[in-house]
Amino acid sequence: MKRYSILALALLFSVVAVAGVLLVKGSVAAPQKEKQTAFEKKCSVCHTLERVKTEIEIMIKQMHDKAGIQISDAELDEIEESFTLRPVEEPHRGLFQDKCEKCHGLDVVVKAHQTNDEAEMKATIERMSKKKGSEISKKDIDKIHESMFMLNEIYEKDVE
């Protein structure tokens, strides 16, 4: 009987220890999102990931055709994945092109952003959202405003 009591106590201790370890592991902070890629920082305002992927495929095929080298679809995928500019996820997926470039060139928007303060720029986007045919939703306003920050980092202050 004493032997069973010791075994039961040891088993109980083991269960409590395992439960404690699991609780500690469960309370570890969630992993942080990876740093933005160069594509996310500099390119995604104007170029969608799908467009870049297609252009990379075309470029790779053209280079290999010139050299007379055959490349399989699997090899093409492997080469594409090695490009470090490609983001983990698509940022605002061409929101600027879909909404703003209907009426404005990129240079006009960048110049306006660089000459207005942030509150004034957001007010401009909100005003544009009310124009007929803009199709800019309230959610889009913040995303477009965020894209303007990205454009401001990319372009020089003297864009004409």
N, C-alpha and C. Protein backbone atom coordinates (compact mmCIF):
# COMPACT_ATOMS: atom_id res chain seq x y z
N MET A 1 0.82 -1.19 0.00
CA MET A 1 0.00 0.00 0.00
C MET A 1 0.87 1.26 0.00
N LYS A 2 1.93 1.21 0.79
CA LYS A 2 2.84 2.34 0.87
C LYS A 2 3.50 2.58 -0.49
N ARG A 3 3.83 1.47 -1.18
CA ARG A 3 4.47 1.56 -2.49
C ARG A 3 3.53 2.28 -3.48
N TYR A 4 2.24 1.94 -3.44
CA TYR A 4 1.27 2.56 -4.34
C TYR A 4 1.09 4.04 -4.02
N SER A 5 1.16 4.38 -2.76
CA SER A 5 1.03 5.78 -2.36
C SER A 5 2.20 6.59 -2.90
N ILE A 6 3.40 6.01 -2.83
CA ILE A 6 4.59 6.70 -3.34
C ILE A 6 4.48 6.86 -4.86
N LEU A 7 4.03 5.80 -5.55
CA LEU A 7 3.87 5.87 -7.01
C LEU A 7 2.81 6.90 -7.39
N ALA A 8 1.70 6.91 -6.66
CA ALA A 8 0.63 7.87 -6.95
C ALA A 8 1.12 9.30 -6.72
N LEU A 9 1.89 9.50 -5.66
CA LEU A 9 2.44 10.81 -5.36
C LEU A 9 3.43 11.24 -6.44
N ALA A 10 4.27 10.30 -6.89
CA ALA A 10 5.24 10.59 -7.95
C ALA A 10 4.51 10.94 -9.26
N LEU A 11 3.46 10.19 -9.56
CA LEU A 11 2.68 10.45 -10.77
C LEU A 11 2.01 11.82 -10.70
N LEU A 12 1.44 12.15 -9.55
CA LEU A 12 0.80 13.44 -9.36
C LEU A 12 1.82 14.57 -9.52
N PHE A 13 3.00 14.39 -8.94
CA PHE A 13 4.06 15.38 -9.05
C PHE A 13 4.46 15.57 -10.52
N SER A 14 4.56 14.48 -11.26
CA SER A 14 4.92 14.54 -12.69
C SER A 14 3.88 15.30 -13.49
N VAL A 15 2.61 15.01 -13.22
CA VAL A 15 1.53 15.69 -13.93
C VAL A 15 1.56 17.19 -13.65
N VAL A 16 1.75 17.55 -12.39
CA VAL A 16 1.82 18.97 -12.02
C VAL A 16 3.02 19.64 -12.69
N ALA A 17 4.15 18.95 -12.72
CA ALA A 17 5.35 19.51 -13.35
C ALA A 17 5.13 19.74 -14.85
N VAL A 18 4.55 18.75 -15.52
CA VAL A 18 4.29 18.88 -16.96
C VAL A 18 3.30 20.01 -17.21
N ALA A 19 2.25 20.09 -16.40
CA ALA A 19 1.26 21.16 -16.55
C ALA A 19 1.92 22.52 -16.36
N GLY A 20 2.81 22.63 -15.40
CA GLY A 20 3.53 23.88 -15.17
C GLY A 20 4.38 24.28 -16.36
N VAL A 21 5.08 23.31 -16.93
CA VAL A 21 5.91 23.58 -18.11
C VAL A 21 5.03 24.05 -19.27
N LEU A 22 3.91 23.38 -19.48
CA LEU A 22 3.01 23.75 -20.57
C LEU A 22 2.45 25.15 -20.37
N LEU A 23 2.12 25.51 -19.15
CA LEU A 23 1.61 26.85 -18.88
C LEU A 23 2.66 27.90 -19.16
N VAL A 24 3.90 27.63 -18.77
CA VAL A 24 4.98 28.58 -19.01
C VAL A 24 5.20 28.74 -20.50
N LYS A 25 5.23 27.63 -21.24
CA LYS A 25 5.42 27.71 -22.69
C LYS A 25 4.27 28.45 -23.35
N GLY A 26 3.07 28.26 -22.85
CA GLY A 26 1.90 28.92 -23.41
C GLY A 26 1.90 30.41 -23.16
N SER A 27 2.61 30.87 -22.15
CA SER A 27 2.61 32.30 -21.83
C SER A 27 3.75 33.05 -22.50
N VAL A 28 4.54 32.37 -23.31
CA VAL A 28 5.61 33.03 -24.03
C VAL A 28 4.98 33.97 -25.06
N ALA A 29 5.56 35.13 -25.21
CA ALA A 29 5.01 36.12 -26.13
C ALA A 29 4.97 35.58 -27.55
N ALA A 30 3.95 36.00 -28.27
CA ALA A 30 3.82 35.58 -29.67
C ALA A 30 4.98 36.15 -30.47
N PRO A 31 5.43 35.43 -31.49
CA PRO A 31 6.55 35.93 -32.28
C PRO A 31 6.18 37.24 -32.98
N GLN A 32 7.13 38.14 -33.03
CA GLN A 32 6.92 39.42 -33.69
C GLN A 32 6.92 39.24 -35.20
N LYS A 33 6.18 40.10 -35.89
CA LYS A 33 6.17 40.05 -37.35
C LYS A 33 7.57 40.38 -37.84
N GLU A 34 7.98 39.67 -38.88
CA GLU A 34 9.29 39.92 -39.44
C GLU A 34 9.38 41.37 -39.89
N LYS A 35 10.62 41.88 -39.96
CA LYS A 35 10.82 43.23 -40.46
C LYS A 35 10.28 43.34 -41.87
N GLN A 36 9.85 44.53 -42.23
CA GLN A 36 9.37 44.74 -43.59
C GLN A 36 10.51 44.51 -44.57
N THR A 37 10.17 43.91 -45.69
CA THR A 37 11.17 43.71 -46.74
C THR A 37 11.35 45.01 -47.50
N ALA A 38 12.39 45.07 -48.31
CA ALA A 38 12.61 46.24 -49.16
C ALA A 38 11.41 46.48 -50.06
N PHE A 39 10.81 45.40 -50.55
CA PHE A 39 9.63 45.52 -51.41
C PHE A 39 8.50 46.22 -50.65
N GLU A 40 8.24 45.79 -49.43
CA GLU A 40 7.16 46.39 -48.64
C GLU A 40 7.42 47.87 -48.37
N LYS A 41 8.69 48.22 -48.11
CA LYS A 41 9.03 49.60 -47.79
C LYS A 41 9.02 50.51 -49.00
N LYS A 42 9.55 50.02 -50.11
CA LYS A 42 9.82 50.91 -51.24
C LYS A 42 8.97 50.69 -52.48
N CYS A 43 8.44 49.50 -52.69
CA CYS A 43 7.83 49.19 -53.99
C CYS A 43 6.32 48.98 -53.96
N SER A 44 5.80 48.52 -52.84
CA SER A 44 4.42 48.04 -52.80
C SER A 44 3.37 49.12 -53.00
N VAL A 45 3.75 50.38 -52.87
CA VAL A 45 2.78 51.44 -53.09
C VAL A 45 2.33 51.45 -54.55
N CYS A 46 3.28 51.16 -55.45
CA CYS A 46 2.98 51.22 -56.88
C CYS A 46 2.89 49.85 -57.55
N HIS A 47 3.56 48.85 -57.02
CA HIS A 47 3.62 47.54 -57.66
C HIS A 47 3.01 46.47 -56.78
N THR A 48 2.11 45.68 -57.35
CA THR A 48 1.55 44.57 -56.59
C THR A 48 2.52 43.40 -56.63
N LEU A 49 2.42 42.54 -55.64
CA LEU A 49 3.29 41.37 -55.56
C LEU A 49 3.09 40.47 -56.77
N GLU A 50 1.86 40.31 -57.22
CA GLU A 50 1.59 39.45 -58.37
C GLU A 50 2.26 39.99 -59.63
N ARG A 51 2.24 41.31 -59.79
CA ARG A 51 2.88 41.91 -60.97
C ARG A 51 4.39 41.68 -60.92
N VAL A 52 4.99 41.88 -59.77
CA VAL A 52 6.43 41.67 -59.64
C VAL A 52 6.78 40.21 -59.90
N LYS A 53 5.98 39.31 -59.36
CA LYS A 53 6.23 37.87 -59.56
C LYS A 53 6.19 37.53 -61.05
N THR A 54 5.21 38.05 -61.75
CA THR A 54 5.09 37.80 -63.19
C THR A 54 6.30 38.37 -63.94
N GLU A 55 6.71 39.58 -63.58
CA GLU A 55 7.85 40.19 -64.25
C GLU A 55 9.15 39.44 -63.96
N ILE A 56 9.30 38.92 -62.76
CA ILE A 56 10.48 38.13 -62.43
C ILE A 56 10.49 36.85 -63.27
N GLU A 57 9.35 36.20 -63.38
CA GLU A 57 9.26 34.98 -64.19
C GLU A 57 9.65 35.25 -65.64
N ILE A 58 9.14 36.34 -66.20
CA ILE A 58 9.45 36.69 -67.59
C ILE A 58 10.94 36.95 -67.74
N MET A 59 11.52 37.72 -66.80
CA MET A 59 12.94 38.04 -66.87
C MET A 59 13.80 36.78 -66.80
N ILE A 60 13.48 35.89 -65.89
CA ILE A 60 14.27 34.66 -65.73
C ILE A 60 14.17 33.81 -67.00
N LYS A 61 12.98 33.67 -67.54
CA LYS A 61 12.81 32.87 -68.76
C LYS A 61 13.57 33.49 -69.93
N GLN A 62 13.53 34.82 -70.06
CA GLN A 62 14.25 35.49 -71.15
C GLN A 62 15.76 35.27 -71.03
N MET A 63 16.28 35.39 -69.82
CA MET A 63 17.72 35.21 -69.62
C MET A 63 18.14 33.78 -69.95
N HIS A 64 17.34 32.83 -69.55
CA HIS A 64 17.69 31.43 -69.82
C HIS A 64 17.48 31.06 -71.28
N ASP A 65 16.52 31.68 -71.95
CA ASP A 65 16.35 31.45 -73.39
C ASP A 65 17.56 31.98 -74.15
N LYS A 66 18.06 33.15 -73.75
CA LYS A 66 19.24 33.73 -74.40
C LYS A 66 20.44 32.81 -74.26
N ALA A 67 20.58 32.21 -73.10
CA ALA A 67 21.73 31.35 -72.83
C ALA A 67 21.51 29.92 -73.32
N GLY A 68 20.30 29.62 -73.76
CA GLY A 68 20.00 28.27 -74.24
C GLY A 68 19.89 27.25 -73.13
N ILE A 69 19.55 27.70 -71.93
CA ILE A 69 19.43 26.81 -70.78
C ILE A 69 17.95 26.53 -70.53
N GLN A 70 17.63 25.27 -70.27
CA GLN A 70 16.26 24.90 -69.94
C GLN A 70 16.05 25.05 -68.43
N ILE A 71 14.89 25.55 -68.05
CA ILE A 71 14.58 25.70 -66.63
C ILE A 71 13.17 25.17 -66.38
N SER A 72 13.06 24.32 -65.38
CA SER A 72 11.76 23.72 -65.07
C SER A 72 10.93 24.69 -64.22
N ASP A 73 9.63 24.41 -64.12
CA ASP A 73 8.76 25.25 -63.28
C ASP A 73 9.20 25.20 -61.82
N ALA A 74 9.63 24.03 -61.36
CA ALA A 74 10.10 23.89 -59.97
C ALA A 74 11.35 24.74 -59.74
N GLU A 75 12.27 24.72 -60.71
CA GLU A 75 13.48 25.53 -60.59
C GLU A 75 13.14 27.02 -60.63
N LEU A 76 12.18 27.38 -61.47
CA LEU A 76 11.75 28.77 -61.56
C LEU A 76 11.19 29.24 -60.21
N ASP A 77 10.36 28.42 -59.59
CA ASP A 77 9.82 28.75 -58.26
C ASP A 77 10.93 28.91 -57.24
N GLU A 78 11.91 28.02 -57.28
CA GLU A 78 13.03 28.08 -56.33
C GLU A 78 13.83 29.37 -56.52
N ILE A 79 14.07 29.74 -57.78
CA ILE A 79 14.81 30.98 -58.05
C ILE A 79 14.02 32.18 -57.56
N GLU A 80 12.72 32.21 -57.84
CA GLU A 80 11.87 33.32 -57.40
C GLU A 80 11.90 33.48 -55.89
N GLU A 81 11.85 32.36 -55.18
CA GLU A 81 11.84 32.41 -53.71
C GLU A 81 13.15 32.96 -53.16
N SER A 82 14.22 32.88 -53.94
CA SER A 82 15.51 33.36 -53.45
C SER A 82 15.64 34.88 -53.53
N PHE A 83 14.73 35.53 -54.26
CA PHE A 83 14.79 36.98 -54.34
C PHE A 83 14.37 37.57 -53.00
N THR A 84 15.24 38.38 -52.39
CA THR A 84 14.98 38.89 -51.05
C THR A 84 14.03 40.07 -51.03
N LEU A 85 13.75 40.67 -52.17
CA LEU A 85 12.86 41.82 -52.14
C LEU A 85 11.41 41.43 -51.97
N ARG A 86 11.08 40.17 -52.17
CA ARG A 86 9.69 39.76 -52.11
C ARG A 86 9.19 39.72 -50.67
N PRO A 87 8.04 40.32 -50.41
CA PRO A 87 7.51 40.34 -49.06
C PRO A 87 6.86 39.03 -48.67
N VAL A 88 6.69 38.87 -47.37
CA VAL A 88 6.01 37.70 -46.84
C VAL A 88 4.53 37.76 -47.18
N GLU A 89 3.97 38.94 -47.12
CA GLU A 89 2.56 39.11 -47.45
C GLU A 89 2.39 40.38 -48.26
N GLU A 90 1.33 40.44 -49.01
CA GLU A 90 1.05 41.59 -49.86
C GLU A 90 0.61 42.76 -48.98
N PRO A 91 1.30 43.93 -49.09
CA PRO A 91 0.82 45.08 -48.32
C PRO A 91 -0.54 45.55 -48.84
N HIS A 92 -0.74 46.77 -49.17
CA HIS A 92 -2.07 47.26 -49.51
C HIS A 92 -2.51 46.91 -50.93
N ARG A 93 -1.86 45.99 -51.54
CA ARG A 93 -2.21 45.42 -52.85
C ARG A 93 -2.69 46.46 -53.86
N GLY A 94 -1.83 47.38 -54.15
CA GLY A 94 -2.12 48.32 -55.22
C GLY A 94 -3.28 49.26 -54.96
N LEU A 95 -3.54 49.56 -53.71
CA LEU A 95 -4.66 50.44 -53.37
C LEU A 95 -4.51 51.80 -54.05
N PHE A 96 -3.27 52.29 -54.06
CA PHE A 96 -3.03 53.59 -54.69
C PHE A 96 -3.45 53.57 -56.16
N GLN A 97 -3.03 52.51 -56.89
CA GLN A 97 -3.39 52.43 -58.31
C GLN A 97 -4.90 52.35 -58.49
N ASP A 98 -5.54 51.55 -57.68
CA ASP A 98 -6.98 51.34 -57.81
C ASP A 98 -7.79 52.60 -57.50
N LYS A 99 -7.33 53.39 -56.56
CA LYS A 99 -8.14 54.52 -56.09
C LYS A 99 -7.62 55.87 -56.58
N CYS A 100 -6.35 56.16 -56.38
CA CYS A 100 -5.83 57.51 -56.61
C CYS A 100 -5.43 57.76 -58.06
N GLU A 101 -4.84 56.75 -58.69
CA GLU A 101 -4.35 56.97 -60.05
C GLU A 101 -5.47 57.05 -61.09
N LYS A 102 -6.70 56.87 -60.66
CA LYS A 102 -7.82 57.10 -61.58
C LYS A 102 -7.80 58.55 -62.06
N CYS A 103 -7.41 59.44 -61.15
CA CYS A 103 -7.45 60.87 -61.45
C CYS A 103 -6.09 61.56 -61.39
N HIS A 104 -5.14 61.00 -60.64
CA HIS A 104 -3.87 61.69 -60.39
C HIS A 104 -2.68 60.83 -60.78
N GLY A 105 -1.63 61.50 -61.27
CA GLY A 105 -0.35 60.84 -61.48
C GLY A 105 0.38 60.73 -60.15
N LEU A 106 1.28 59.78 -60.05
CA LEU A 106 2.04 59.58 -58.81
C LEU A 106 2.79 60.83 -58.41
N ASP A 107 3.38 61.54 -59.37
CA ASP A 107 4.16 62.73 -59.05
C ASP A 107 3.31 63.81 -58.38
N VAL A 108 2.07 63.97 -58.81
CA VAL A 108 1.18 64.98 -58.22
C VAL A 108 0.87 64.63 -56.76
N VAL A 109 0.59 63.37 -56.51
CA VAL A 109 0.25 62.94 -55.15
C VAL A 109 1.46 63.08 -54.23
N VAL A 110 2.63 62.66 -54.70
CA VAL A 110 3.84 62.76 -53.87
C VAL A 110 4.14 64.21 -53.55
N LYS A 111 4.08 65.07 -54.56
CA LYS A 111 4.37 66.49 -54.34
C LYS A 111 3.38 67.09 -53.35
N ALA A 112 2.10 66.76 -53.49
CA ALA A 112 1.09 67.27 -52.56
C ALA A 112 1.36 66.80 -51.14
N HIS A 113 1.76 65.54 -51.01
CA HIS A 113 2.03 65.00 -49.68
C HIS A 113 3.23 65.69 -49.05
N GLN A 114 4.22 66.02 -49.85
CA GLN A 114 5.43 66.63 -49.31
C GLN A 114 5.23 68.10 -48.96
N THR A 115 4.19 68.72 -49.49
CA THR A 115 3.95 70.13 -49.19
C THR A 115 2.86 70.34 -48.15
N ASN A 116 2.19 69.29 -47.74
CA ASN A 116 1.12 69.38 -46.74
C ASN A 116 1.53 68.66 -45.46
N ASP A 117 0.99 69.13 -44.34
CA ASP A 117 1.24 68.38 -43.11
C ASP A 117 0.33 67.15 -43.09
N GLU A 118 0.58 66.26 -42.15
CA GLU A 118 -0.13 64.97 -42.12
C GLU A 118 -1.64 65.13 -41.97
N ALA A 119 -2.07 66.04 -41.11
CA ALA A 119 -3.51 66.25 -40.91
C ALA A 119 -4.15 66.78 -42.18
N GLU A 120 -3.45 67.70 -42.84
CA GLU A 120 -3.98 68.26 -44.08
C GLU A 120 -4.04 67.19 -45.18
N MET A 121 -3.04 66.32 -45.22
CA MET A 121 -3.03 65.26 -46.22
C MET A 121 -4.20 64.30 -46.00
N LYS A 122 -4.43 63.93 -44.74
CA LYS A 122 -5.55 63.04 -44.45
C LYS A 122 -6.88 63.70 -44.82
N ALA A 123 -6.99 64.99 -44.54
CA ALA A 123 -8.20 65.73 -44.90
C ALA A 123 -8.39 65.74 -46.42
N THR A 124 -7.29 65.85 -47.16
CA THR A 124 -7.37 65.81 -48.62
C THR A 124 -7.88 64.46 -49.10
N ILE A 125 -7.35 63.38 -48.52
CA ILE A 125 -7.79 62.03 -48.90
C ILE A 125 -9.28 61.86 -48.57
N GLU A 126 -9.69 62.36 -47.40
CA GLU A 126 -11.10 62.28 -47.02
C GLU A 126 -11.98 63.06 -48.00
N ARG A 127 -11.49 64.24 -48.41
CA ARG A 127 -12.24 65.04 -49.37
C ARG A 127 -12.35 64.31 -50.72
N MET A 128 -11.26 63.68 -51.14
CA MET A 128 -11.27 62.93 -52.40
C MET A 128 -12.23 61.73 -52.32
N SER A 129 -12.34 61.14 -51.13
CA SER A 129 -13.21 59.97 -50.96
C SER A 129 -14.69 60.32 -51.19
N LYS A 130 -15.03 61.59 -51.02
CA LYS A 130 -16.42 62.02 -51.18
C LYS A 130 -16.76 62.36 -52.63
N LYS A 131 -15.74 62.40 -53.49
CA LYS A 131 -15.99 62.72 -54.89
C LYS A 131 -16.66 61.55 -55.60
N LYS A 132 -17.50 61.88 -56.54
CA LYS A 132 -18.24 60.87 -57.29
C LYS A 132 -17.26 59.95 -58.03
N GLY A 133 -17.46 58.65 -57.86
CA GLY A 133 -16.65 57.66 -58.57
C GLY A 133 -15.33 57.32 -57.90
N SER A 134 -15.03 57.92 -56.75
CA SER A 134 -13.73 57.64 -56.11
C SER A 134 -13.66 56.23 -55.56
N GLU A 135 -14.78 55.72 -55.08
CA GLU A 135 -14.85 54.39 -54.48
C GLU A 135 -13.83 54.20 -53.34
N ILE A 136 -13.52 55.28 -52.64
CA ILE A 136 -12.61 55.22 -51.49
C ILE A 136 -13.45 55.08 -50.23
N SER A 137 -13.30 53.94 -49.55
CA SER A 137 -14.07 53.69 -48.33
C SER A 137 -13.36 54.32 -47.13
N LYS A 138 -14.03 54.34 -46.00
CA LYS A 138 -13.41 54.86 -44.78
C LYS A 138 -12.17 54.04 -44.41
N LYS A 139 -12.21 52.72 -44.62
CA LYS A 139 -11.04 51.87 -44.35
C LYS A 139 -9.90 52.22 -45.28
N ASP A 140 -10.24 52.53 -46.54
CA ASP A 140 -9.21 52.87 -47.53
C ASP A 140 -8.47 54.15 -47.16
N ILE A 141 -9.15 55.08 -46.54
CA ILE A 141 -8.54 56.37 -46.21
C ILE A 141 -7.28 56.17 -45.38
N ASP A 142 -7.35 55.38 -44.31
CA ASP A 142 -6.17 55.14 -43.47
C ASP A 142 -5.08 54.41 -44.23
N LYS A 143 -5.47 53.44 -45.05
CA LYS A 143 -4.48 52.68 -45.81
C LYS A 143 -3.77 53.57 -46.83
N ILE A 144 -4.53 54.42 -47.50
CA ILE A 144 -3.93 55.34 -48.46
C ILE A 144 -3.01 56.32 -47.74
N HIS A 145 -3.45 56.82 -46.60
CA HIS A 145 -2.63 57.75 -45.82
C HIS A 145 -1.31 57.08 -45.42
N GLU A 146 -1.39 55.82 -45.00
CA GLU A 146 -0.18 55.06 -44.66
C GLU A 146 0.72 54.91 -45.88
N SER A 147 0.13 54.67 -47.03
CA SER A 147 0.91 54.56 -48.27
C SER A 147 1.64 55.86 -48.58
N MET A 148 1.03 56.97 -48.23
CA MET A 148 1.66 58.26 -48.48
C MET A 148 2.94 58.41 -47.65
N PHE A 149 2.96 57.84 -46.44
CA PHE A 149 4.19 57.84 -45.64
C PHE A 149 5.29 57.09 -46.39
N MET A 150 4.92 55.96 -46.99
CA MET A 150 5.89 55.17 -47.74
C MET A 150 6.41 55.96 -48.94
N LEU A 151 5.51 56.63 -49.65
CA LEU A 151 5.94 57.43 -50.80
C LEU A 151 6.88 58.55 -50.36
N ASN A 152 6.59 59.15 -49.23
CA ASN A 152 7.42 60.24 -48.73
C ASN A 152 8.84 59.78 -48.46
N GLU A 153 9.01 58.53 -48.01
CA GLU A 153 10.34 58.00 -47.75
C GLU A 153 11.08 57.67 -49.04
N ILE A 154 10.34 57.30 -50.08
CA ILE A 154 10.95 56.87 -51.34
C ILE A 154 11.44 58.05 -52.17
N TYR A 155 10.61 59.06 -52.32
CA TYR A 155 10.90 60.15 -53.24
C TYR A 155 11.65 61.28 -52.57
N GLU A 156 12.46 61.96 -53.38
CA GLU A 156 13.19 63.13 -52.92
C GLU A 156 12.21 64.27 -52.67
N LYS A 157 12.63 65.23 -51.90
CA LYS A 157 11.77 66.35 -51.54
C LYS A 157 11.47 67.27 -52.73
N ASP A 158 12.26 67.20 -53.79
CA ASP A 158 12.07 68.12 -54.90
C ASP A 158 11.41 67.47 -56.11
N VAL A 159 10.49 66.54 -55.88
CA VAL A 159 9.77 65.90 -56.98
C VAL A 159 8.98 66.96 -57.73
N GLU A 160 9.10 66.96 -59.03
CA GLU A 160 8.36 67.95 -59.83
C GLU A 160 7.36 67.27 -60.71
